[in-house]
Amino acid sequence: MLLAAKLRALLKRYWPEVASAEPTAAAGGMAVHRDGRAWALVDDTDPGRGFARALLWGLHRDAAEVHVLSEDSPALGAAARQAACFPDLGHGVGGVRCRGRSGRGRAPPG
């Protein structure tokens, strides 16, 4: 439930055109698919596995664009390197950092 709420909040803030989509359990986390695009917030201790699951989930839904989001900042580098292996697929790799006491966070790419 927490990942679904986080994904909804991210969609509302950065991709409002799909904010009303209902997240489903997929890709080791929660995901949304709409209009040929997919977003997956992965909660996996193995970044390669989380990225691969999200990519496969999106491809199985014929998504031309897959956005992989993770709370694990170091995992983003590995996911970005893996994403480079798929130049024909529109993809985005973004990071989400939970807001701490400072109130700062890092936003995913648009």
PDB file of N, CA and C in Angstrom:
ATOM      1  N   MET A   1       0.809  -1.201   0.000  1.00  0.00           N
ATOM      2  CA  MET A   1       0.000   0.000   0.000  1.00  0.00           C
ATOM      3  C   MET A   1       0.849   1.261   0.000  1.00  0.00           C
ATOM      4  N   LEU A   2       1.966   1.218   0.734  1.00  0.00           N
ATOM      5  CA  LEU A   2       2.825   2.394   0.808  1.00  0.00           C
ATOM      6  C   LEU A   2       3.442   2.707  -0.551  1.00  0.00           C
ATOM      7  N   LEU A   3       3.911   1.687  -1.259  1.00  0.00           N
ATOM      8  CA  LEU A   3       4.483   1.925  -2.587  1.00  0.00           C
ATOM      9  C   LEU A   3       3.440   2.458  -3.556  1.00  0.00           C
ATOM     10  N   ALA A   4       2.210   1.973  -3.462  1.00  0.00           N
ATOM     11  CA  ALA A   4       1.142   2.476  -4.327  1.00  0.00           C
ATOM     12  C   ALA A   4       0.901   3.956  -4.060  1.00  0.00           C
ATOM     13  N   ALA A   5       0.882   4.343  -2.794  1.00  0.00           N
ATOM     14  CA  ALA A   5       0.690   5.752  -2.445  1.00  0.00           C
ATOM     15  C   ALA A   5       1.853   6.606  -2.945  1.00  0.00           C
ATOM     16  N   LYS A   6       3.082   6.093  -2.817  1.00  0.00           N
ATOM     17  CA  LYS A   6       4.247   6.833  -3.309  1.00  0.00           C
ATOM     18  C   LYS A   6       4.183   7.000  -4.825  1.00  0.00           C
ATOM     19  N   LEU A   7       3.822   5.922  -5.525  1.00  0.00           N
ATOM     20  CA  LEU A   7       3.734   6.008  -6.976  1.00  0.00           C
ATOM     21  C   LEU A   7       2.645   6.988  -7.395  1.00  0.00           C
ATOM     22  N   ARG A   8       1.490   6.939  -6.741  1.00  0.00           N
ATOM     23  CA  ARG A   8       0.414   7.895  -7.053  1.00  0.00           C
ATOM     24  C   ARG A   8       0.884   9.333  -6.861  1.00  0.00           C
ATOM     25  N   ALA A   9       1.594   9.584  -5.763  1.00  0.00           N
ATOM     26  CA  ALA A   9       2.084  10.933  -5.484  1.00  0.00           C
ATOM     27  C   ALA A   9       3.076  11.390  -6.556  1.00  0.00           C
ATOM     28  N   LEU A  10       3.968  10.500  -6.973  1.00  0.00           N
ATOM     29  CA  LEU A  10       4.926  10.846  -8.018  1.00  0.00           C
ATOM     30  C   LEU A  10       4.229  11.137  -9.344  1.00  0.00           C
ATOM     31  N   LEU A  11       3.266  10.305  -9.675  1.00  0.00           N
ATOM     32  CA  LEU A  11       2.536  10.525 -10.916  1.00  0.00           C
ATOM     33  C   LEU A  11       1.780  11.851 -10.878  1.00  0.00           C
ATOM     34  N   LYS A  12       1.163  12.128  -9.769  1.00  0.00           N
ATOM     35  CA  LYS A  12       0.400  13.370  -9.642  1.00  0.00           C
ATOM     36  C   LYS A  12       1.307  14.589  -9.808  1.00  0.00           C
ATOM     37  N   ARG A  13       2.509  14.503  -9.246  1.00  0.00           N
ATOM     38  CA  ARG A  13       3.418  15.651  -9.282  1.00  0.00           C
ATOM     39  C   ARG A  13       4.142  15.810 -10.622  1.00  0.00           C
ATOM     40  N   TYR A  14       4.621  14.694 -11.192  1.00  0.00           N
ATOM     41  CA  TYR A  14       5.474  14.786 -12.370  1.00  0.00           C
ATOM     42  C   TYR A  14       4.812  14.360 -13.679  1.00  0.00           C
ATOM     43  N   TRP A  15       3.791  13.534 -13.596  1.00  0.00           N
ATOM     44  CA  TRP A  15       3.077  13.089 -14.786  1.00  0.00           C
ATOM     45  C   TRP A  15       1.571  13.179 -14.507  1.00  0.00           C
ATOM     46  N   PRO A  16       1.040  14.384 -14.342  1.00  0.00           N
ATOM     47  CA  PRO A  16      -0.362  14.536 -13.943  1.00  0.00           C
ATOM     48  C   PRO A  16      -1.353  13.934 -14.936  1.00  0.00           C
ATOM     49  N   GLU A  17      -0.952  13.787 -16.183  1.00  0.00           N
ATOM     50  CA  GLU A  17      -1.866  13.222 -17.175  1.00  0.00           C
ATOM     51  C   GLU A  17      -2.200  11.758 -16.908  1.00  0.00           C
ATOM     52  N   VAL A  18      -1.424  11.087 -16.050  1.00  0.00           N
ATOM     53  CA  VAL A  18      -1.710   9.685 -15.727  1.00  0.00           C
ATOM     54  C   VAL A  18      -1.958   9.485 -14.233  1.00  0.00           C
ATOM     55  N   ALA A  19      -2.125  10.570 -13.515  1.00  0.00           N
ATOM     56  CA  ALA A  19      -2.274  10.494 -12.059  1.00  0.00           C
ATOM     57  C   ALA A  19      -3.504   9.709 -11.622  1.00  0.00           C
ATOM     58  N   SER A  20      -4.507   9.613 -12.469  1.00  0.00           N
ATOM     59  CA  SER A  20      -5.728   8.901 -12.076  1.00  0.00           C
ATOM     60  C   SER A  20      -5.617   7.387 -12.290  1.00  0.00           C
ATOM     61  N   ALA A  21      -4.543   6.933 -12.900  1.00  0.00           N
ATOM     62  CA  ALA A  21      -4.365   5.493 -13.140  1.00  0.00           C
ATOM     63  C   ALA A  21      -4.156   4.766 -11.816  1.00  0.00           C
ATOM     64  N   GLU A  22      -4.707   3.581 -11.723  1.00  0.00           N
ATOM     65  CA  GLU A  22      -4.600   2.790 -10.497  1.00  0.00           C
ATOM     66  C   GLU A  22      -3.364   1.896 -10.566  1.00  0.00           C
ATOM     67  N   PRO A  23      -2.412   2.052  -9.628  1.00  0.00           N
ATOM     68  CA  PRO A  23      -1.222   1.195  -9.624  1.00  0.00           C
ATOM     69  C   PRO A  23      -1.584  -0.259  -9.332  1.00  0.00           C
ATOM     70  N   THR A  24      -0.808  -1.158  -9.935  1.00  0.00           N
ATOM     71  CA  THR A  24      -0.979  -2.579  -9.680  1.00  0.00           C
ATOM     72  C   THR A  24       0.353  -3.154  -9.205  1.00  0.00           C
ATOM     73  N   ALA A  25       0.272  -4.222  -8.450  1.00  0.00           N
ATOM     74  CA  ALA A  25       1.487  -4.883  -7.981  1.00  0.00           C
ATOM     75  C   ALA A  25       2.174  -5.524  -9.179  1.00  0.00           C
ATOM     76  N   ALA A  26       3.412  -5.125  -9.408  1.00  0.00           N
ATOM     77  CA  ALA A  26       4.173  -5.652 -10.545  1.00  0.00           C
ATOM     78  C   ALA A  26       5.625  -5.252 -10.412  1.00  0.00           C
ATOM     79  N   ALA A  27       6.480  -5.956 -11.097  1.00  0.00           N
ATOM     80  CA  ALA A  27       7.894  -5.577 -11.238  1.00  0.00           C
ATOM     81  C   ALA A  27       8.610  -5.422  -9.897  1.00  0.00           C
ATOM     82  N   GLY A  28       8.237  -6.204  -8.909  1.00  0.00           N
ATOM     83  CA  GLY A  28       8.872  -6.084  -7.598  1.00  0.00           C
ATOM     84  C   GLY A  28       8.491  -4.808  -6.893  1.00  0.00           C
ATOM     85  N   GLY A  29       7.359  -4.245  -7.222  1.00  0.00           N
ATOM     86  CA  GLY A  29       6.886  -2.999  -6.612  1.00  0.00           C
ATOM     87  C   GLY A  29       5.479  -2.699  -7.101  1.00  0.00           C
ATOM     88  N   MET A  30       5.260  -1.461  -7.516  1.00  0.00           N
ATOM     89  CA  MET A  30       3.961  -1.042  -8.048  1.00  0.00           C
ATOM     90  C   MET A  30       4.184  -0.407  -9.407  1.00  0.00           C
ATOM     91  N   ALA A  31       3.209  -0.571 -10.301  1.00  0.00           N
ATOM     92  CA  ALA A  31       3.378  -0.049 -11.654  1.00  0.00           C
ATOM     93  C   ALA A  31       2.058   0.438 -12.228  1.00  0.00           C
ATOM     94  N   VAL A  32       2.180   1.292 -13.238  1.00  0.00           N
ATOM     95  CA  VAL A  32       1.032   1.855 -13.952  1.00  0.00           C
ATOM     96  C   VAL A  32       1.344   1.801 -15.440  1.00  0.00           C
ATOM     97  N   HIS A  33       0.331   1.483 -16.227  1.00  0.00           N
ATOM     98  CA  HIS A  33       0.481   1.485 -17.684  1.00  0.00           C
ATOM     99  C   HIS A  33      -0.681   2.278 -18.272  1.00  0.00           C
ATOM    100  N   ARG A  34      -0.349   3.204 -19.155  1.00  0.00           N
ATOM    101  CA  ARG A  34      -1.397   3.975 -19.817  1.00  0.00           C
ATOM    102  C   ARG A  34      -0.854   4.577 -21.108  1.00  0.00           C
ATOM    103  N   ASP A  35      -1.655   4.476 -22.160  1.00  0.00           N
ATOM    104  CA  ASP A  35      -1.353   5.115 -23.447  1.00  0.00           C
ATOM    105  C   ASP A  35       0.049   4.788 -23.961  1.00  0.00           C
ATOM    106  N   GLY A  36       0.450   3.535 -23.873  1.00  0.00           N
ATOM    107  CA  GLY A  36       1.730   3.116 -24.407  1.00  0.00           C
ATOM    108  C   GLY A  36       2.935   3.494 -23.569  1.00  0.00           C
ATOM    109  N   ARG A  37       2.698   3.953 -22.350  1.00  0.00           N
ATOM    110  CA  ARG A  37       3.793   4.305 -21.442  1.00  0.00           C
ATOM    111  C   ARG A  37       3.600   3.549 -20.136  1.00  0.00           C
ATOM    112  N   ALA A  38       4.721   3.272 -19.453  1.00  0.00           N
ATOM    113  CA  ALA A  38       4.664   2.534 -18.192  1.00  0.00           C
ATOM    114  C   ALA A  38       5.565   3.205 -17.166  1.00  0.00           C
ATOM    115  N   TRP A  39       5.140   3.153 -15.913  1.00  0.00           N
ATOM    116  CA  TRP A  39       5.910   3.661 -14.779  1.00  0.00           C
ATOM    117  C   TRP A  39       5.952   2.556 -13.740  1.00  0.00           C
ATOM    118  N   ALA A  40       7.139   2.293 -13.206  1.00  0.00           N
ATOM    119  CA  ALA A  40       7.268   1.268 -12.175  1.00  0.00           C
ATOM    120  C   ALA A  40       8.122   1.814 -11.037  1.00  0.00           C
ATOM    121  N   LEU A  41       7.581   1.767  -9.846  1.00  0.00           N
ATOM    122  CA  LEU A  41       8.326   2.109  -8.641  1.00  0.00           C
ATOM    123  C   LEU A  41       8.747   0.780  -8.037  1.00  0.00           C
ATOM    124  N   VAL A  42      10.035   0.469  -8.143  1.00  0.00           N
ATOM    125  CA  VAL A  42      10.519  -0.835  -7.691  1.00  0.00           C
ATOM    126  C   VAL A  42      11.070  -0.740  -6.275  1.00  0.00           C
ATOM    127  N   ASP A  43      10.785  -1.767  -5.512  1.00  0.00           N
ATOM    128  CA  ASP A  43      11.277  -1.886  -4.144  1.00  0.00           C
ATOM    129  C   ASP A  43      12.017  -3.209  -4.078  1.00  0.00           C
ATOM    130  N   ASP A  44      13.247  -3.191  -4.528  1.00  0.00           N
ATOM    131  CA  ASP A  44      14.000  -4.427  -4.639  1.00  0.00           C
ATOM    132  C   ASP A  44      15.424  -4.146  -4.206  1.00  0.00           C
ATOM    133  N   THR A  45      15.983  -5.027  -3.424  1.00  0.00           N
ATOM    134  CA  THR A  45      17.350  -4.814  -2.958  1.00  0.00           C
ATOM    135  C   THR A  45      18.375  -5.077  -4.053  1.00  0.00           C
ATOM    136  N   ASP A  46      17.976  -5.736  -5.113  1.00  0.00           N
ATOM    137  CA  ASP A  46      18.857  -5.992  -6.250  1.00  0.00           C
ATOM    138  C   ASP A  46      18.437  -5.071  -7.391  1.00  0.00           C
ATOM    139  N   PRO A  47      19.182  -3.965  -7.639  1.00  0.00           N
ATOM    140  CA  PRO A  47      18.759  -2.981  -8.632  1.00  0.00           C
ATOM    141  C   PRO A  47      18.626  -3.551 -10.038  1.00  0.00           C
ATOM    142  N   GLY A  48      19.490  -4.457 -10.404  1.00  0.00           N
ATOM    143  CA  GLY A  48      19.398  -5.059 -11.733  1.00  0.00           C
ATOM    144  C   GLY A  48      18.125  -5.849 -11.901  1.00  0.00           C
ATOM    145  N   ARG A  49      17.797  -6.577 -10.874  1.00  0.00           N
ATOM    146  CA  ARG A  49      16.582  -7.387 -10.909  1.00  0.00           C
ATOM    147  C   ARG A  49      15.333  -6.505 -10.971  1.00  0.00           C
ATOM    148  N   GLY A  50      15.314  -5.440 -10.171  1.00  0.00           N
ATOM    149  CA  GLY A  50      14.166  -4.533 -10.177  1.00  0.00           C
ATOM    150  C   GLY A  50      13.986  -3.855 -11.524  1.00  0.00           C
ATOM    151  N   PHE A  51      15.110  -3.398 -12.114  1.00  0.00           N
ATOM    152  CA  PHE A  51      15.034  -2.765 -13.423  1.00  0.00           C
ATOM    153  C   PHE A  51      14.553  -3.759 -14.468  1.00  0.00           C
ATOM    154  N   ALA A  52      15.124  -4.960 -14.450  1.00  0.00           N
ATOM    155  CA  ALA A  52      14.746  -5.974 -15.437  1.00  0.00           C
ATOM    156  C   ALA A  52      13.266  -6.322 -15.325  1.00  0.00           C
ATOM    157  N   ARG A  53      12.790  -6.475 -14.109  1.00  0.00           N
ATOM    158  CA  ARG A  53      11.361  -6.790 -13.910  1.00  0.00           C
ATOM    159  C   ARG A  53      10.479  -5.674 -14.459  1.00  0.00           C
ATOM    160  N   ALA A  54      10.858  -4.428 -14.161  1.00  0.00           N
ATOM    161  CA  ALA A  54      10.062  -3.289 -14.624  1.00  0.00           C
ATOM    162  C   ALA A  54      10.072  -3.210 -16.147  1.00  0.00           C
ATOM    163  N   LEU A  55      11.224  -3.406 -16.741  1.00  0.00           N
ATOM    164  CA  LEU A  55      11.332  -3.357 -18.197  1.00  0.00           C
ATOM    165  C   LEU A  55      10.491  -4.450 -18.840  1.00  0.00           C
ATOM    166  N   LEU A  56      10.589  -5.670 -18.334  1.00  0.00           N
ATOM    167  CA  LEU A  56       9.786  -6.767 -18.879  1.00  0.00           C
ATOM    168  C   LEU A  56       8.295  -6.514 -18.700  1.00  0.00           C
ATOM    169  N   TRP A  57       7.912  -5.994 -17.550  1.00  0.00           N
ATOM    170  CA  TRP A  57       6.502  -5.699 -17.299  1.00  0.00           C
ATOM    171  C   TRP A  57       5.993  -4.705 -18.341  1.00  0.00           C
ATOM    172  N   GLY A  58       6.784  -3.662 -18.585  1.00  0.00           N
ATOM    173  CA  GLY A  58       6.381  -2.662 -19.577  1.00  0.00           C
ATOM    174  C   GLY A  58       6.334  -3.231 -20.985  1.00  0.00           C
ATOM    175  N   LEU A  59       7.322  -4.040 -21.338  1.00  0.00           N
ATOM    176  CA  LEU A  59       7.359  -4.629 -22.675  1.00  0.00           C
ATOM    177  C   LEU A  59       6.185  -5.577 -22.905  1.00  0.00           C
ATOM    178  N   HIS A  60       5.794  -6.315 -21.876  1.00  0.00           N
ATOM    179  CA  HIS A  60       4.648  -7.223 -22.004  1.00  0.00           C
ATOM    180  C   HIS A  60       3.351  -6.454 -22.216  1.00  0.00           C
ATOM    181  N   ARG A  61       3.361  -5.193 -21.916  1.00  0.00           N
ATOM    182  CA  ARG A  61       2.182  -4.355 -22.131  1.00  0.00           C
ATOM    183  C   ARG A  61       2.362  -3.450 -23.349  1.00  0.00           C
ATOM    184  N   ASP A  62       3.339  -3.783 -24.176  1.00  0.00           N
ATOM    185  CA  ASP A  62       3.633  -3.022 -25.396  1.00  0.00           C
ATOM    186  C   ASP A  62       3.899  -1.554 -25.130  1.00  0.00           C
ATOM    187  N   ALA A  63       4.527  -1.262 -24.006  1.00  0.00           N
ATOM    188  CA  ALA A  63       4.874   0.122 -23.683  1.00  0.00           C
ATOM    189  C   ALA A  63       6.061   0.562 -24.541  1.00  0.00           C
ATOM    190  N   ALA A  64       5.919   1.689 -25.191  1.00  0.00           N
ATOM    191  CA  ALA A  64       7.013   2.245 -25.984  1.00  0.00           C
ATOM    192  C   ALA A  64       7.949   3.052 -25.094  1.00  0.00           C
ATOM    193  N   GLU A  65       7.515   3.320 -23.888  1.00  0.00           N
ATOM    194  CA  GLU A  65       8.273   4.148 -22.950  1.00  0.00           C
ATOM    195  C   GLU A  65       8.105   3.542 -21.557  1.00  0.00           C
ATOM    196  N   VAL A  66       9.216   3.299 -20.873  1.00  0.00           N
ATOM    197  CA  VAL A  66       9.174   2.716 -19.534  1.00  0.00           C
ATOM    198  C   VAL A  66       9.977   3.606 -18.589  1.00  0.00           C
ATOM    199  N   HIS A  67       9.355   4.042 -17.516  1.00  0.00           N
ATOM    200  CA  HIS A  67      10.018   4.856 -16.497  1.00  0.00           C
ATOM    201  C   HIS A  67      10.199   3.993 -15.259  1.00  0.00           C
ATOM    202  N   VAL A  68      11.439   3.812 -14.843  1.00  0.00           N
ATOM    203  CA  VAL A  68      11.736   3.005 -13.666  1.00  0.00           C
ATOM    204  C   VAL A  68      12.146   3.948 -12.543  1.00  0.00           C
ATOM    205  N   LEU A  69      11.447   3.863 -11.435  1.00  0.00           N
ATOM    206  CA  LEU A  69      11.710   4.707 -10.277  1.00  0.00           C
ATOM    207  C   LEU A  69      12.149   3.823  -9.121  1.00  0.00           C
ATOM    208  N   SER A  70      13.081   4.332  -8.326  1.00  0.00           N
ATOM    209  CA  SER A  70      13.593   3.553  -7.199  1.00  0.00           C
ATOM    210  C   SER A  70      13.926   4.480  -6.055  1.00  0.00           C
ATOM    211  N   GLU A  71      13.773   3.982  -4.838  1.00  0.00           N
ATOM    212  CA  GLU A  71      14.169   4.752  -3.661  1.00  0.00           C
ATOM    213  C   GLU A  71      15.649   4.563  -3.354  1.00  0.00           C
ATOM    214  N   ASP A  72      16.283   3.620  -4.017  1.00  0.00           N
ATOM    215  CA  ASP A  72      17.678   3.288  -3.772  1.00  0.00           C
ATOM    216  C   ASP A  72      18.557   4.074  -4.737  1.00  0.00           C
ATOM    217  N   SER A  73      19.107   5.205  -4.294  1.00  0.00           N
ATOM    218  CA  SER A  73      19.898   6.074  -5.170  1.00  0.00           C
ATOM    219  C   SER A  73      21.067   5.372  -5.844  1.00  0.00           C
ATOM    220  N   PRO A  74      21.876   4.563  -5.129  1.00  0.00           N
ATOM    221  CA  PRO A  74      22.976   3.880  -5.810  1.00  0.00           C
ATOM    222  C   PRO A  74      22.487   2.934  -6.910  1.00  0.00           C
ATOM    223  N   ALA A  75      21.286   2.426  -6.751  1.00  0.00           N
ATOM    224  CA  ALA A  75      20.749   1.508  -7.752  1.00  0.00           C
ATOM    225  C   ALA A  75      20.479   2.216  -9.069  1.00  0.00           C
ATOM    226  N   LEU A  76      20.292   3.516  -9.030  1.00  0.00           N
ATOM    227  CA  LEU A  76      19.945   4.245 -10.244  1.00  0.00           C
ATOM    228  C   LEU A  76      21.066   4.229 -11.268  1.00  0.00           C
ATOM    229  N   GLY A  77      22.309   4.277 -10.812  1.00  0.00           N
ATOM    230  CA  GLY A  77      23.435   4.217 -11.740  1.00  0.00           C
ATOM    231  C   GLY A  77      23.451   2.905 -12.510  1.00  0.00           C
ATOM    232  N   ALA A  78      23.245   1.817 -11.792  1.00  0.00           N
ATOM    233  CA  ALA A  78      23.210   0.499 -12.437  1.00  0.00           C
ATOM    234  C   ALA A  78      22.034   0.406 -13.400  1.00  0.00           C
ATOM    235  N   ALA A  79      20.894   0.924 -12.998  1.00  0.00           N
ATOM    236  CA  ALA A  79      19.714   0.875 -13.866  1.00  0.00           C
ATOM    237  C   ALA A  79      19.920   1.728 -15.113  1.00  0.00           C
ATOM    238  N   ALA A  80      20.536   2.884 -14.962  1.00  0.00           N
ATOM    239  CA  ALA A  80      20.793   3.741 -16.122  1.00  0.00           C
ATOM    240  C   ALA A  80      21.748   3.061 -17.098  1.00  0.00           C
ATOM    241  N   ARG A  81      22.759   2.380 -16.572  1.00  0.00           N
ATOM    242  CA  ARG A  81      23.682   1.647 -17.450  1.00  0.00           C
ATOM    243  C   ARG A  81      22.948   0.531 -18.184  1.00  0.00           C
ATOM    244  N   GLN A  82      22.058  -0.147 -17.501  1.00  0.00           N
ATOM    245  CA  GLN A  82      21.286  -1.211 -18.147  1.00  0.00           C
ATOM    246  C   GLN A  82      20.340  -0.632 -19.192  1.00  0.00           C
ATOM    247  N   ALA A  83      19.752   0.515 -18.887  1.00  0.00           N
ATOM    248  CA  ALA A  83      18.821   1.147 -19.819  1.00  0.00           C
ATOM    249  C   ALA A  83      19.510   1.499 -21.131  1.00  0.00           C
ATOM    250  N   ALA A  84      20.795   1.841 -21.068  1.00  0.00           N
ATOM    251  CA  ALA A  84      21.543   2.193 -22.268  1.00  0.00           C
ATOM    252  C   ALA A  84      21.650   1.018 -23.241  1.00  0.00           C
ATOM    253  N   CYS A  85      21.431  -0.190 -22.761  1.00  0.00           N
ATOM    254  CA  CYS A  85      21.480  -1.373 -23.621  1.00  0.00           C
ATOM    255  C   CYS A  85      20.222  -1.510 -24.478  1.00  0.00           C
ATOM    256  N   PHE A  86      19.228  -0.665 -24.242  1.00  0.00           N
ATOM    257  CA  PHE A  86      17.962  -0.734 -24.966  1.00  0.00           C
ATOM    258  C   PHE A  86      17.682   0.606 -25.643  1.00  0.00           C
ATOM    259  N   PRO A  87      18.501   0.989 -26.644  1.00  0.00           N
ATOM    260  CA  PRO A  87      18.364   2.320 -27.242  1.00  0.00           C
ATOM    261  C   PRO A  87      17.068   2.524 -28.017  1.00  0.00           C
ATOM    262  N   ASP A  88      16.432   1.458 -28.465  1.00  0.00           N
ATOM    263  CA  ASP A  88      15.210   1.607 -29.249  1.00  0.00           C
ATOM    264  C   ASP A  88      13.962   1.762 -28.396  1.00  0.00           C
ATOM    265  N   LEU A  89      14.097   1.532 -27.125  1.00  0.00           N
ATOM    266  CA  LEU A  89      12.959   1.649 -26.218  1.00  0.00           C
ATOM    267  C   LEU A  89      13.079   2.967 -25.484  1.00  0.00           C
ATOM    268  N   GLY A  90      12.040   3.807 -25.573  1.00  0.00           N
ATOM    269  CA  GLY A  90      12.048   5.041 -24.799  1.00  0.00           C
ATOM    270  C   GLY A  90      11.996   4.657 -23.334  1.00  0.00           C
ATOM    271  N   HIS A  91      12.905   5.151 -22.537  1.00  0.00           N
ATOM    272  CA  HIS A  91      12.919   4.758 -21.130  1.00  0.00           C
ATOM    273  C   HIS A  91      13.431   5.909 -20.292  1.00  0.00           C
ATOM    274  N   GLY A  92      13.077   5.872 -19.058  1.00  0.00           N
ATOM    275  CA  GLY A  92      13.582   6.852 -18.116  1.00  0.00           C
ATOM    276  C   GLY A  92      13.942   6.140 -16.827  1.00  0.00           C
ATOM    277  N   VAL A  93      14.985   6.578 -16.214  1.00  0.00           N
ATOM    278  CA  VAL A  93      15.382   6.016 -14.934  1.00  0.00           C
ATOM    279  C   VAL A  93      15.430   7.182 -13.979  1.00  0.00           C
ATOM    280  N   GLY A  94      14.595   7.143 -12.956  1.00  0.00           N
ATOM    281  CA  GLY A  94      14.537   8.271 -12.040  1.00  0.00           C
ATOM    282  C   GLY A  94      14.663   7.837 -10.602  1.00  0.00           C
ATOM    283  N   GLY A  95      15.073   8.738  -9.787  1.00  0.00           N
ATOM    284  CA  GLY A  95      15.250   8.424  -8.379  1.00  0.00           C
ATOM    285  C   GLY A  95      14.269   9.169  -7.508  1.00  0.00           C
ATOM    286  N   VAL A  96      13.913   8.556  -6.446  1.00  0.00           N
ATOM    287  CA  VAL A  96      13.030   9.174  -5.476  1.00  0.00           C
ATOM    288  C   VAL A  96      13.705   9.074  -4.132  1.00  0.00           C
ATOM    289  N   ARG A  97      13.861  10.155  -3.481  1.00  0.00           N
ATOM    290  CA  ARG A  97      14.419  10.123  -2.132  1.00  0.00           C
ATOM    291  C   ARG A  97      13.305  10.593  -1.195  1.00  0.00           C
ATOM    292  N   CYS A  98      13.003   9.795  -0.198  1.00  0.00           N
ATOM    293  CA  CYS A  98      11.978  10.200   0.761  1.00  0.00           C
ATOM    294  C   CYS A  98      12.409  11.495   1.432  1.00  0.00           C
ATOM    295  N   ARG A  99      11.467  12.354   1.642  1.00  0.00           N
ATOM    296  CA  ARG A  99      11.786  13.628   2.278  1.00  0.00           C
ATOM    297  C   ARG A  99      12.163  13.400   3.732  1.00  0.00           C
ATOM    298  N   GLY A 100      13.281  13.978   4.092  1.00  0.00           N
ATOM    299  CA  GLY A 100      13.743  13.859   5.469  1.00  0.00           C
ATOM    300  C   GLY A 100      13.458  15.134   6.234  1.00  0.00           C
ATOM    301  N   ARG A 101      14.171  15.326   7.288  1.00  0.00           N
ATOM    302  CA  ARG A 101      13.958  16.518   8.118  1.00  0.00           C
ATOM    303  C   ARG A 101      14.239  17.797   7.369  1.00  0.00           C
ATOM    304  N   SER A 102      15.168  17.739   6.407  1.00  0.00           N
ATOM    305  CA  SER A 102      15.505  18.950   5.668  1.00  0.00           C
ATOM    306  C   SER A 102      14.403  19.339   4.691  1.00  0.00           C
ATOM    307  N   GLY A 103      13.505  18.386   4.382  1.00  0.00           N
ATOM    308  CA  GLY A 103      12.431  18.670   3.434  1.00  0.00           C
ATOM    309  C   GLY A 103      12.881  18.592   1.988  1.00  0.00           C
ATOM    310  N   ARG A 104      14.147  18.210   1.778  1.00  0.00           N
ATOM    311  CA  ARG A 104      14.650  18.127   0.405  1.00  0.00           C
ATOM    312  C   ARG A 104      14.474  16.735  -0.149  1.00  0.00           C
ATOM    313  N   GLY A 105      14.238  16.673  -1.413  1.00  0.00           N
ATOM    314  CA  GLY A 105      14.147  15.401  -2.093  1.00  0.00           C
ATOM    315  C   GLY A 105      14.654  15.570  -3.514  1.00  0.00           C
ATOM    316  N   ARG A 106      14.844  14.488  -4.197  1.00  0.00           N
ATOM    317  CA  ARG A 106      15.294  14.570  -5.575  1.00  0.00           C
ATOM    318  C   ARG A 106      14.174  14.077  -6.466  1.00  0.00           C
ATOM    319  N   ALA A 107      13.873  14.826  -7.486  1.00  0.00           N
ATOM    320  CA  ALA A 107      12.769  14.503  -8.366  1.00  0.00           C
ATOM    321  C   ALA A 107      13.239  13.636  -9.526  1.00  0.00           C
ATOM    322  N   PRO A 108      12.338  12.755 -10.002  1.00  0.00           N
ATOM    323  CA  PRO A 108      12.674  11.968 -11.176  1.00  0.00           C
ATOM    324  C   PRO A 108      12.697  12.840 -12.423  1.00  0.00           C
ATOM    325  N   PRO A 109      13.383  12.407 -13.463  1.00  0.00           N
ATOM    326  CA  PRO A 109      13.408  13.199 -14.690  1.00  0.00           C
ATOM    327  C   PRO A 109      12.057  13.201 -15.352  1.00  0.00           C
ATOM    328  N   GLY A 110      11.749  14.221 -16.072  1.00  0.00           N
ATOM    329  CA  GLY A 110      10.470  14.330 -16.765  1.00  0.00           C
ATOM    330  C   GLY A 110      10.597  13.891 -18.114  1.00  0.00           C
TER     331      GLY A 110
END
